[in-house]
Amino acid sequence: MTTVNGKLIAQEQNQLDTIKRKTEELQGRYQNLELQVSAIAKQNSTKYLEEMDSVKRYIQKLDKKLTYVEETISNQTKQLLLLKVCGAVGLVGLWFWFGINNQPQYQKSKSFKSVESIELIKLV
């Protein structure tokens, strides 16, 4: 076949039929390719959506675990603070109890005696 100014020039009818048949085959291939591309795109979008759903579920599980950990840490912090306060109060109480109750009796009476003896010396 020859071309003039980019146009095909057919000299016989069977050449036109061949061109029509090839054109129809190309159109069929093109439609088949379009179907395949759309099927692949649909599969990819389906896989993408499934992956997104699985990621979403995983994030939700992590969020629940994080919430549980935050609550546990908060409770442990409160318990530790309470333990520290009670320990401090207990230690201060013991310090007072041992400081006041363990003072020997002779120190109290001795201090009075020394004062009396000083007074007697001054009078004489």
Protein backbone atom coordinates (compact mmCIF):
# COMPACT_ATOMS: atom_id res chain seq x y z
CA MET A 1 0.00 0.00 0.00
CA THR A 2 1.13 3.46 -0.72
CA THR A 3 0.55 6.72 1.13
CA VAL A 4 0.06 10.19 -0.23
CA ASN A 5 0.26 13.09 2.19
CA GLY A 6 -0.04 10.58 5.10
CA LYS A 7 -3.18 8.93 3.69
CA LEU A 8 -3.37 5.31 2.63
CA ILE A 9 -4.18 4.66 -0.99
CA ALA A 10 -5.65 1.25 -1.65
CA GLN A 11 -5.67 -0.02 -5.18
CA GLU A 12 -7.74 -3.13 -4.50
CA GLN A 13 -10.86 -3.90 -2.44
CA ASN A 14 -9.19 -6.71 -0.51
CA GLN A 15 -6.59 -4.27 0.75
CA LEU A 16 -9.41 -2.15 2.25
CA ASP A 17 -10.89 -5.27 3.84
CA THR A 18 -7.49 -6.14 5.31
CA ILE A 19 -7.14 -2.65 6.73
CA LYS A 20 -10.67 -2.80 8.20
CA ARG A 21 -9.95 -6.22 9.74
CA LYS A 22 -6.66 -4.99 11.24
CA THR A 23 -8.37 -1.86 12.55
CA GLU A 24 -11.11 -3.98 14.16
CA GLU A 25 -8.46 -6.27 15.69
CA LEU A 26 -6.64 -3.24 17.11
CA GLN A 27 -9.89 -1.89 18.54
CA GLY A 28 -10.62 -5.29 20.12
CA ARG A 29 -7.12 -5.41 21.62
CA TYR A 30 -7.53 -1.87 22.90
CA GLN A 31 -10.85 -2.71 24.56
CA ASN A 32 -9.32 -5.88 26.04
CA LEU A 33 -6.41 -3.86 27.41
CA GLU A 34 -8.82 -1.31 28.86
CA LEU A 35 -10.72 -4.08 30.62
CA GLN A 36 -7.49 -5.55 31.99
CA VAL A 37 -6.27 -2.17 33.19
CA SER A 38 -9.58 -1.43 34.91
CA ALA A 39 -9.57 -4.92 36.50
CA ILE A 40 -6.01 -4.39 37.75
CA ALA A 41 -6.92 -0.94 39.06
CA LYS A 42 -9.96 -2.40 40.80
CA GLN A 43 -7.83 -5.16 42.36
CA ASN A 44 -5.25 -2.62 43.47
CA SER A 45 -7.89 -0.38 44.99
CA THR A 46 -9.47 -3.40 46.71
CA LYS A 47 -6.09 -4.49 48.08
CA TYR A 48 -5.37 -0.92 49.11
CA LEU A 49 -8.69 -0.66 50.95
CA GLU A 50 -8.08 -4.02 52.66
CA GLU A 51 -4.61 -2.90 53.74
CA MET A 52 -6.03 0.39 55.00
CA ASP A 53 -8.66 -1.48 57.02
CA SER A 54 -6.02 -3.74 58.56
CA VAL A 55 -3.85 -0.72 59.42
CA LYS A 56 -6.89 0.98 60.92
CA ARG A 57 -7.66 -2.07 63.10
CA TYR A 58 -4.03 -2.26 64.20
CA ILE A 59 -4.03 1.43 65.15
CA GLN A 60 -7.25 0.93 67.13
CA LYS A 61 -5.64 -1.97 69.03
CA LEU A 62 -2.57 0.15 69.74
CA ASP A 63 -4.80 3.00 70.92
CA LYS A 64 -6.59 0.66 73.34
CA LYS A 65 -3.26 -0.63 74.66
CA LEU A 66 -1.96 2.92 75.02
CA THR A 67 -5.08 3.95 76.95
CA TYR A 68 -4.64 0.95 79.26
CA VAL A 69 -0.97 1.80 79.83
CA GLU A 70 -1.83 5.45 80.57
CA GLU A 71 -4.49 4.39 83.10
CA THR A 72 -2.09 1.93 84.74
CA ILE A 73 0.67 4.55 84.99
CA SER A 74 -1.78 7.06 86.44
CA ASN A 75 -2.97 4.57 89.07
CA GLN A 76 0.58 3.58 89.97
CA THR A 77 1.58 7.24 90.27
CA LYS A 78 -1.32 7.89 92.65
CA GLN A 79 -0.42 4.82 94.70
CA LEU A 80 3.25 5.83 94.86
CA LEU A 81 2.35 9.37 95.93
CA LEU A 82 0.04 8.00 98.63
CA LEU A 83 2.77 5.62 99.80
CA LYS A 84 5.29 8.47 100.00
CA VAL A 85 2.91 10.71 101.94
CA CYS A 86 1.98 7.91 104.35
CA GLY A 87 5.63 6.98 104.77
CA ALA A 88 6.61 10.57 105.51
CA VAL A 89 3.77 10.98 108.02
CA GLY A 90 4.71 7.67 109.64
CA LEU A 91 8.39 8.60 109.90
CA VAL A 92 7.56 12.01 111.41
CA GLY A 93 5.22 10.31 113.88
CA LEU A 94 7.86 7.77 114.86
CA TRP A 95 10.47 10.50 115.22
CA PHE A 96 8.22 12.45 117.59
CA TRP A 97 7.21 9.33 119.50
CA PHE A 98 10.78 8.12 119.97
CA GLY A 99 12.06 11.65 120.63
CA ILE A 100 9.56 12.50 123.33
CA ASN A 101 9.06 9.11 124.99
CA ASN A 102 12.70 8.05 125.10
CA GLN A 103 13.98 11.05 126.96
CA PRO A 104 15.51 9.71 130.20
CA GLN A 105 13.92 10.74 133.48
CA TYR A 106 17.24 11.53 135.13
CA GLN A 107 17.88 14.33 132.64
CA LYS A 108 14.71 16.10 133.73
CA SER A 109 15.42 15.76 137.45
CA LYS A 110 19.13 16.47 137.02
CA SER A 111 18.38 19.76 135.33
CA PHE A 112 16.26 20.79 138.31
CA LYS A 113 18.95 19.70 140.77
CA SER A 114 21.64 21.65 139.03
CA VAL A 115 19.50 24.74 139.13
CA GLU A 116 18.86 24.25 142.84
CA SER A 117 22.53 23.80 143.60
CA ILE A 118 23.37 26.98 141.74
CA GLU A 119 20.82 28.87 143.76
CA LEU A 120 22.22 27.56 147.03
CA ILE A 121 25.69 28.67 146.18
CA LYS A 122 24.49 32.16 145.43
CA LEU A 123 22.67 32.44 148.76
CA VAL A 124 25.68 31.49 150.92
